[in-house]
C-alpha atoms as a PDB file:
ATOM      1  CA  UNK A   1      -8.672  -5.860   2.213  1.00  0.00           C
ATOM      2  CA  UNK A   2      -6.434  -6.796   5.097  1.00  0.00           C
ATOM      3  CA  UNK A   3      -5.065  -9.657   2.989  1.00  0.00           C
ATOM      4  CA  UNK A   4      -4.139  -7.438   0.044  1.00  0.00           C
ATOM      5  CA  UNK A   5      -0.505  -7.477  -0.988  1.00  0.00           C
ATOM      6  CA  UNK A   6      -0.079  -3.745  -0.436  1.00  0.00           C
ATOM      7  CA  UNK A   7       1.246  -3.475   3.113  1.00  0.00           C
ATOM      8  CA  UNK A   8      -0.139   0.013   3.614  1.00  0.00           C
ATOM      9  CA  UNK A   9      -3.679  -0.943   2.543  1.00  0.00           C
ATOM     10  CA  UNK A  10      -3.595  -4.152   4.558  1.00  0.00           C
ATOM     11  CA  UNK A  11      -2.416  -2.376   7.692  1.00  0.00           C
ATOM     12  CA  UNK A  12      -5.028   0.359   7.350  1.00  0.00           C
ATOM     13  CA  UNK A  13      -7.770  -2.224   6.806  1.00  0.00           C
ATOM     14  CA  UNK A  14      -6.701  -4.105   9.932  1.00  0.00           C
ATOM     15  CA  UNK A  15      -6.713  -0.916  12.007  1.00  0.00           C
ATOM     16  CA  UNK A  16     -10.172  -0.018  10.694  1.00  0.00           C
ATOM     17  CA  UNK A  17     -11.521  -3.498  11.454  1.00  0.00           C
ATOM     18  CA  UNK A  18     -10.156  -3.391  15.000  1.00  0.00           C
ATOM     19  CA  UNK A  19     -11.701   0.045  15.561  1.00  0.00           C
ATOM     20  CA  UNK A  20     -15.106  -1.016  14.259  1.00  0.00           C
ATOM     21  CA  UNK A  21     -15.199  -4.024  16.564  1.00  0.00           C
ATOM     22  CA  UNK A  22     -14.653  -1.998  19.748  1.00  0.00           C
ATOM     23  CA  UNK A  23     -17.581  -1.593  22.120  1.00  0.00           C
ATOM     24  CA  UNK A  24     -17.527   2.202  22.238  1.00  0.00           C
ATOM     25  CA  UNK A  25     -17.853   2.408  18.454  1.00  0.00           C
ATOM     26  CA  UNK A  26     -20.773  -0.032  18.445  1.00  0.00           C
ATOM     27  CA  UNK A  27     -22.579   1.810  21.250  1.00  0.00           C
ATOM     28  CA  UNK A  28     -22.108   5.108  19.409  1.00  0.00           C
ATOM     29  CA  UNK A  29     -23.441   3.570  16.221  1.00  0.00           C
ATOM     30  CA  UNK A  30     -26.543   2.254  17.998  1.00  0.00           C
ATOM     31  CA  UNK A  31     -27.153   5.674  19.592  1.00  0.00           C
ATOM     32  CA  UNK A  32     -26.790   7.333  16.200  1.00  0.00           C
ATOM     33  CA  UNK A  33     -29.337   4.917  14.730  1.00  0.00           C
ATOM     34  CA  UNK A  34     -31.859   5.758  17.450  1.00  0.00           C
ATOM     35  CA  UNK A  35     -31.428   9.524  17.103  1.00  0.00           C
ATOM     36  CA  UNK A  36     -31.609   9.287  13.310  1.00  0.00           C
ATOM     37  CA  UNK A  37     -34.847   7.333  13.585  1.00  0.00           C
ATOM     38  CA  UNK A  38     -36.316  10.181  15.658  1.00  0.00           C
ATOM     39  CA  UNK A  39     -35.159  12.884  13.273  1.00  0.00           C
ATOM     40  CA  UNK A  40     -36.153  11.224   9.996  1.00  0.00           C
ATOM     41  CA  UNK A  41     -39.874  12.048  10.230  1.00  0.00           C
ATOM     42  CA  UNK A  42     -39.024  15.654  11.096  1.00  0.00           C
ATOM     43  CA  UNK A  43     -36.665  15.876   8.139  1.00  0.00           C
ATOM     44  CA  UNK A  44     -39.222  14.417   5.749  1.00  0.00           C
ATOM     45  CA  UNK A  45     -41.947  16.738   7.050  1.00  0.00           C
ATOM     46  CA  UNK A  46     -39.751  19.799   6.590  1.00  0.00           C
ATOM     47  CA  UNK A  47     -38.813  18.799   3.038  1.00  0.00           C
ATOM     48  CA  UNK A  48     -42.340  18.069   1.868  1.00  0.00           C
ATOM     49  CA  UNK A  49     -43.949  20.468  -0.566  1.00  0.00           C
ATOM     50  CA  UNK A  50     -46.749  22.461   1.028  1.00  0.00           C
ATOM     51  CA  UNK A  51     -45.817  21.532   4.581  1.00  0.00           C
ATOM     52  CA  UNK A  52     -47.893  23.209   7.263  1.00  0.00           C
ATOM     53  CA  UNK A  53     -45.605  25.182   9.584  1.00  0.00           C
ATOM     54  CA  UNK A  54     -47.632  24.264  12.663  1.00  0.00           C
ATOM     55  CA  UNK A  55     -47.406  20.540  11.862  1.00  0.00           C
ATOM     56  CA  UNK A  56     -43.667  20.858  11.292  1.00  0.00           C
ATOM     57  CA  UNK A  57     -43.202  22.614  14.627  1.00  0.00           C
ATOM     58  CA  UNK A  58     -45.299  19.953  16.381  1.00  0.00           C
ATOM     59  CA  UNK A  59     -43.114  17.272  14.822  1.00  0.00           C
ATOM     60  CA  UNK A  60     -39.994  19.076  16.035  1.00  0.00           C
ATOM     61  CA  UNK A  61     -41.437  19.453  19.539  1.00  0.00           C
ATOM     62  CA  UNK A  62     -42.291  15.747  19.655  1.00  0.00           C
ATOM     63  CA  UNK A  63     -38.754  14.789  18.663  1.00  0.00           C
ATOM     64  CA  UNK A  64     -37.282  17.168  21.244  1.00  0.00           C
ATOM     65  CA  UNK A  65     -39.455  15.792  24.025  1.00  0.00           C
ATOM     66  CA  UNK A  66     -38.316  12.253  23.260  1.00  0.00           C
ATOM     67  CA  UNK A  67     -34.681  13.337  23.177  1.00  0.00           C
ATOM     68  CA  UNK A  68     -35.000  15.094  26.542  1.00  0.00           C
END
């Protein structure tokens, strides 16, 4: 995209690429992946049909203890 003939699109693509390659963005992305991995089982448990409330709360408590 940065090599497109449209100067506006090319400039925006270059800015986006430079932002993505910065360390703080990559660290944030890795942290988001880890937190999402913890929350996925909780989300799936809460969305399941016939979910037991006690099991759902235990799943939430387990995720919270890991996050703390």
